[in-house]
PDB file of N, CA and C in Angstrom:
ATOM      1  N   MET A   1      35.906 -20.871 -28.642  1.00  0.00           N
ATOM      2  CA  MET A   1      37.627 -20.840 -28.002  1.00  0.00           C
ATOM      3  C   MET A   1      37.369 -21.945 -27.301  1.00  0.00           C
ATOM      4  N   SER A   2      38.332 -22.728 -27.200  1.00  0.00           N
ATOM      5  CA  SER A   2      38.369 -24.281 -26.142  1.00  0.00           C
ATOM      6  C   SER A   2      39.629 -23.442 -25.535  1.00  0.00           C
ATOM      7  N   CYS A   3      39.615 -24.520 -24.420  1.00  0.00           N
ATOM      8  CA  CYS A   3      41.057 -23.895 -23.295  1.00  0.00           C
ATOM      9  C   CYS A   3      41.827 -24.198 -23.620  1.00  0.00           C
ATOM     10  N   ALA A   4      42.514 -25.004 -24.911  1.00  0.00           N
ATOM     11  CA  ALA A   4      44.170 -24.711 -25.318  1.00  0.00           C
ATOM     12  C   ALA A   4      44.165 -23.733 -25.828  1.00  0.00           C
ATOM     13  N   ASN A   5      43.328 -23.024 -26.799  1.00  0.00           N
ATOM     14  CA  ASN A   5      43.515 -21.869 -26.967  1.00  0.00           C
ATOM     15  C   ASN A   5      43.582 -21.132 -26.252  1.00  0.00           C
ATOM     16  N   ILE A   6      43.353 -20.824 -24.867  1.00  0.00           N
ATOM     17  CA  ILE A   6      42.933 -19.602 -24.128  1.00  0.00           C
ATOM     18  C   ILE A   6      44.486 -19.981 -22.998  1.00  0.00           C
ATOM     19  N   CYS A   7      44.444 -21.076 -23.576  1.00  0.00           N
ATOM     20  CA  CYS A   7      46.108 -21.520 -22.158  1.00  0.00           C
ATOM     21  C   CYS A   7      47.286 -21.250 -23.040  1.00  0.00           C
ATOM     22  N   ASN A   8      47.048 -21.476 -24.644  1.00  0.00           N
ATOM     23  CA  ASN A   8      48.332 -20.928 -25.236  1.00  0.00           C
ATOM     24  C   ASN A   8      48.367 -19.546 -25.093  1.00  0.00           C
ATOM     25  N   ASP A   9      47.552 -18.334 -25.660  1.00  0.00           N
ATOM     26  CA  ASP A   9      47.799 -17.144 -25.588  1.00  0.00           C
ATOM     27  C   ASP A   9      47.982 -16.685 -24.293  1.00  0.00           C
ATOM     28  N   SER A  10      47.757 -17.391 -23.035  1.00  0.00           N
ATOM     29  CA  SER A  10      48.162 -16.298 -21.550  1.00  0.00           C
ATOM     30  C   SER A  10      49.783 -17.236 -21.540  1.00  0.00           C
ATOM     31  N   VAL A  11      49.749 -18.263 -22.402  1.00  0.00           N
ATOM     32  CA  VAL A  11      51.565 -18.706 -22.465  1.00  0.00           C
ATOM     33  C   VAL A  11      52.467 -17.533 -22.959  1.00  0.00           C
ATOM     34  N   THR A  12      51.310 -17.348 -24.243  1.00  0.00           N
ATOM     35  CA  THR A  12      52.636 -16.064 -25.220  1.00  0.00           C
ATOM     36  C   THR A  12      52.398 -14.334 -24.351  1.00  0.00           C
ATOM     37  N   VAL A  13      51.222 -14.627 -23.838  1.00  0.00           N
ATOM     38  CA  VAL A  13      51.409 -13.746 -23.083  1.00  0.00           C
ATOM     39  C   VAL A  13      52.167 -13.605 -21.865  1.00  0.00           C
ATOM     40  N   ASN A  14      52.427 -14.166 -21.012  1.00  0.00           N
ATOM     41  CA  ASN A  14      53.080 -14.676 -20.179  1.00  0.00           C
ATOM     42  C   ASN A  14      54.930 -14.656 -20.814  1.00  0.00           C
ATOM     43  N   ARG A  15      55.033 -14.459 -21.762  1.00  0.00           N
ATOM     44  CA  ARG A  15      56.317 -15.003 -22.584  1.00  0.00           C
ATOM     45  C   ARG A  15      56.718 -13.729 -22.552  1.00  0.00           C
ATOM     46  N   THR A  16      55.835 -13.206 -23.693  1.00  0.00           N
ATOM     47  CA  THR A  16      56.286 -11.857 -23.886  1.00  0.00           C
ATOM     48  C   THR A  16      56.329 -10.668 -22.452  1.00  0.00           C
ATOM     49  N   SER A  17      55.946 -10.789 -21.484  1.00  0.00           N
ATOM     50  CA  SER A  17      56.014  -9.988 -20.753  1.00  0.00           C
ATOM     51  C   SER A  17      57.218 -10.223 -19.955  1.00  0.00           C
ATOM     52  N   VAL A  18      58.146 -11.801 -19.698  1.00  0.00           N
ATOM     53  CA  VAL A  18      59.098 -12.002 -19.600  1.00  0.00           C
ATOM     54  C   VAL A  18      60.157 -11.519 -20.476  1.00  0.00           C
ATOM     55  N   THR A  19      59.847 -11.637 -21.512  1.00  0.00           N
ATOM     56  CA  THR A  19      60.648 -10.861 -22.363  1.00  0.00           C
ATOM     57  C   THR A  19      60.980  -9.636 -22.330  1.00  0.00           C
ATOM     58  N   PHE A  20      59.589  -8.871 -22.426  1.00  0.00           N
ATOM     59  CA  PHE A  20      60.276  -7.648 -22.426  1.00  0.00           C
ATOM     60  C   PHE A  20      60.533  -6.892 -20.478  1.00  0.00           C
ATOM     61  N   GLY A  21      60.285  -7.957 -19.864  1.00  0.00           N
ATOM     62  CA  GLY A  21      61.248  -7.356 -18.897  1.00  0.00           C
ATOM     63  C   GLY A  21      62.496  -7.858 -18.326  1.00  0.00           C
ATOM     64  N   ILE A  22      62.692  -8.662 -19.227  1.00  0.00           N
ATOM     65  CA  ILE A  22      64.349  -8.736 -19.071  1.00  0.00           C
ATOM     66  C   ILE A  22      65.061  -7.978 -19.996  1.00  0.00           C
ATOM     67  N   ASP A  23      64.270  -7.469 -21.476  1.00  0.00           N
ATOM     68  CA  ASP A  23      65.011  -6.562 -22.154  1.00  0.00           C
ATOM     69  C   ASP A  23      65.114  -4.952 -21.778  1.00  0.00           C
ATOM     70  N   SER A  24      64.135  -4.868 -20.444  1.00  0.00           N
ATOM     71  CA  SER A  24      63.865  -3.756 -19.773  1.00  0.00           C
ATOM     72  C   SER A  24      65.278  -3.558 -18.277  1.00  0.00           C
ATOM     73  N   THR A  25      64.931  -4.944 -17.974  1.00  0.00           N
ATOM     74  CA  THR A  25      66.322  -4.999 -17.248  1.00  0.00           C
ATOM     75  C   THR A  25      67.528  -5.078 -17.431  1.00  0.00           C
ATOM     76  N   LEU A  26      67.802  -5.566 -18.161  1.00  0.00           N
ATOM     77  CA  LEU A  26      69.175  -5.689 -18.538  1.00  0.00           C
ATOM     78  C   LEU A  26      70.139  -4.460 -18.645  1.00  0.00           C
ATOM     79  N   PRO A  27      69.574  -3.399 -19.520  1.00  0.00           N
ATOM     80  CA  PRO A  27      69.904  -2.211 -20.180  1.00  0.00           C
ATOM     81  C   PRO A  27      70.203  -1.360 -18.643  1.00  0.00           C
ATOM     82  N   PHE A  28      69.330  -1.372 -17.552  1.00  0.00           N
ATOM     83  CA  PHE A  28      69.402  -1.350 -16.410  1.00  0.00           C
ATOM     84  C   PHE A  28      70.096  -1.453 -15.389  1.00  0.00           C
ATOM     85  N   LEU A  29      71.143  -2.905 -15.659  1.00  0.00           N
ATOM     86  CA  LEU A  29      71.915  -3.538 -14.821  1.00  0.00           C
ATOM     87  C   LEU A  29      73.216  -2.773 -15.168  1.00  0.00           C
ATOM     88  N   ARG A  30      72.893  -2.700 -16.471  1.00  0.00           N
ATOM     89  CA  ARG A  30      74.208  -2.551 -17.471  1.00  0.00           C
ATOM     90  C   ARG A  30      74.255  -0.687 -17.031  1.00  0.00           C
ATOM     91  N   ALA A  31      73.378   0.325 -17.045  1.00  0.00           N
ATOM     92  CA  ALA A  31      73.862   1.369 -16.949  1.00  0.00           C
ATOM     93  C   ALA A  31      74.076   1.467 -14.824  1.00  0.00           C
ATOM     94  N   LYS A  32      73.936   0.652 -14.055  1.00  0.00           N
ATOM     95  CA  LYS A  32      74.014   0.639 -12.577  1.00  0.00           C
ATOM     96  C   LYS A  32      75.483   0.131 -12.842  1.00  0.00           C
ATOM     97  N   GLN A  33      75.898  -0.862 -13.485  1.00  0.00           N
ATOM     98  CA  GLN A  33      77.060  -0.937 -14.223  1.00  0.00           C
ATOM     99  C   GLN A  33      78.468  -0.375 -14.671  1.00  0.00           C
ATOM    100  N   ALA A  34      78.228   0.435 -15.037  1.00  0.00           N
ATOM    101  CA  ALA A  34      78.899   1.929 -16.030  1.00  0.00           C
ATOM    102  C   ALA A  34      78.660   3.314 -15.052  1.00  0.00           C
ATOM    103  N   GLU A  35      77.921   3.030 -14.027  1.00  0.00           N
ATOM    104  CA  GLU A  35      77.830   4.090 -13.039  1.00  0.00           C
ATOM    105  C   GLU A  35      78.959   3.688 -11.712  1.00  0.00           C
ATOM    106  N   ALA A  36      78.809   2.658 -11.531  1.00  0.00           N
ATOM    107  CA  ALA A  36      79.533   2.145 -10.569  1.00  0.00           C
ATOM    108  C   ALA A  36      81.075   2.114 -10.792  1.00  0.00           C
ATOM    109  N   ALA A  37      81.298   1.725 -12.052  1.00  0.00           N
ATOM    110  CA  ALA A  37      82.750   1.923 -12.513  1.00  0.00           C
ATOM    111  C   ALA A  37      83.115   3.189 -12.524  1.00  0.00           C
ATOM    112  N   ARG A  38      82.057   4.412 -13.328  1.00  0.00           N
ATOM    113  CA  ARG A  38      82.620   5.492 -13.381  1.00  0.00           C
ATOM    114  C   ARG A  38      82.754   6.542 -11.582  1.00  0.00           C
ATOM    115  N   LEU A  39      82.041   5.865 -10.833  1.00  0.00           N
ATOM    116  CA  LEU A  39      82.198   6.383  -9.181  1.00  0.00           C
ATOM    117  C   LEU A  39      83.731   6.077  -8.932  1.00  0.00           C
ATOM    118  N   ALA A  40      84.045   4.786  -9.108  1.00  0.00           N
ATOM    119  CA  ALA A  40      84.983   4.158  -8.160  1.00  0.00           C
ATOM    120  C   ALA A  40      86.099   4.805  -8.382  1.00  0.00           C
ATOM    121  N   LYS A  41      86.025   5.611 -10.173  1.00  0.00           N
ATOM    122  CA  LYS A  41      88.054   6.132 -10.153  1.00  0.00           C
ATOM    123  C   LYS A  41      87.481   8.013 -10.127  1.00  0.00           C
ATOM    124  N   ARG A  42      86.548   7.715  -9.133  1.00  0.00           N
ATOM    125  CA  ARG A  42      86.520   9.380  -8.727  1.00  0.00           C
ATOM    126  C   ARG A  42      87.469   9.437  -7.654  1.00  0.00           C
ATOM    127  N   PRO A  43      87.991  10.597  -7.665  1.00  0.00           N
ATOM    128  CA  PRO A  43      89.277  10.565  -6.256  1.00  0.00           C
ATOM    129  C   PRO A  43      88.837  10.789  -4.856  1.00  0.00           C
ATOM    130  N   PHE A  44      89.088  10.043  -3.915  1.00  0.00           N
ATOM    131  CA  PHE A  44      88.790   9.795  -2.974  1.00  0.00           C
ATOM    132  C   PHE A  44      88.823  11.166  -1.702  1.00  0.00           C
ATOM    133  N   THR A  45      88.234  11.750  -1.092  1.00  0.00           N
ATOM    134  CA  THR A  45      88.314  13.068  -0.306  1.00  0.00           C
ATOM    135  C   THR A  45      87.628  12.293   1.032  1.00  0.00           C
ATOM    136  N   ASP A  46      89.290  12.701   2.128  1.00  0.00           N
ATOM    137  CA  ASP A  46      89.194  12.416   3.576  1.00  0.00           C
ATOM    138  C   ASP A  46      88.672  13.123   4.353  1.00  0.00           C
ATOM    139  N   LEU A  47      87.464  13.586   4.959  1.00  0.00           N
ATOM    140  CA  LEU A  47      86.853  14.335   5.819  1.00  0.00           C
ATOM    141  C   LEU A  47      87.459  14.547   6.775  1.00  0.00           C
ATOM    142  N   GLY A  48      87.884  13.724   7.598  1.00  0.00           N
ATOM    143  CA  GLY A  48      88.867  14.123   8.520  1.00  0.00           C
ATOM    144  C   GLY A  48      88.006  13.059   9.698  1.00  0.00           C
ATOM    145  N   ILE A  49      87.674  13.336  11.311  1.00  0.00           N
ATOM    146  CA  ILE A  49      87.790  12.806  12.657  1.00  0.00           C
ATOM    147  C   ILE A  49      86.467  14.207  12.363  1.00  0.00           C
ATOM    148  N   PRO A  50      85.065  14.205  12.855  1.00  0.00           N
ATOM    149  CA  PRO A  50      84.176  14.867  13.113  1.00  0.00           C
ATOM    150  C   PRO A  50      84.373  14.993  15.013  1.00  0.00           C
ATOM    151  N   ARG A  51      84.548  16.700  14.606  1.00  0.00           N
ATOM    152  CA  ARG A  51      84.675  16.926  16.382  1.00  0.00           C
ATOM    153  C   ARG A  51      83.062  17.866  16.796  1.00  0.00           C
ATOM    154  N   PRO A  52      83.050  18.201  17.594  1.00  0.00           N
ATOM    155  CA  PRO A  52      82.244  19.036  18.019  1.00  0.00           C
ATOM    156  C   PRO A  52      82.629  20.114  18.218  1.00  0.00           C
ATOM    157  N   ARG A  53      81.828  21.689  16.975  1.00  0.00           N
ATOM    158  CA  ARG A  53      82.506  22.646  17.411  1.00  0.00           C
ATOM    159  C   ARG A  53      82.366  23.686  18.199  1.00  0.00           C
ATOM    160  N   SER A  54      83.468  25.011  18.201  1.00  0.00           N
ATOM    161  CA  SER A  54      83.729  25.005  19.568  1.00  0.00           C
ATOM    162  C   SER A  54      82.900  26.410  19.515  1.00  0.00           C
ATOM    163  N   GLU A  55      82.555  26.799  20.961  1.00  0.00           N
ATOM    164  CA  GLU A  55      81.362  28.014  20.927  1.00  0.00           C
ATOM    165  C   GLU A  55      81.486  29.319  20.301  1.00  0.00           C
ATOM    166  N   GLU A  56      82.783  29.583  20.016  1.00  0.00           N
ATOM    167  CA  GLU A  56      83.412  30.973  19.248  1.00  0.00           C
ATOM    168  C   GLU A  56      83.052  30.996  17.780  1.00  0.00           C
ATOM    169  N   THR A  57      82.413  29.454  17.257  1.00  0.00           N
ATOM    170  CA  THR A  57      82.628  29.594  15.800  1.00  0.00           C
ATOM    171  C   THR A  57      80.704  29.266  15.612  1.00  0.00           C
ATOM    172  N   GLN A  58      79.641  29.379  16.756  1.00  0.00           N
ATOM    173  CA  GLN A  58      78.840  29.192  16.312  1.00  0.00           C
ATOM    174  C   GLN A  58      77.792  30.248  16.375  1.00  0.00           C
TER     175      GLN A  58
END
């Protein structure tokens, strides 16, 4: 086996790895984008300003 064959095989494996990485990253990013859009549509809840509890309620 020559160095050219080993190098070409290595490049093929690396391209396959990159393609697999991109193929798995794009659906993840699309899911995060959809989740962000869904969360942006949720109603806002105002919790008010926090204050210390009185001794009676503790």
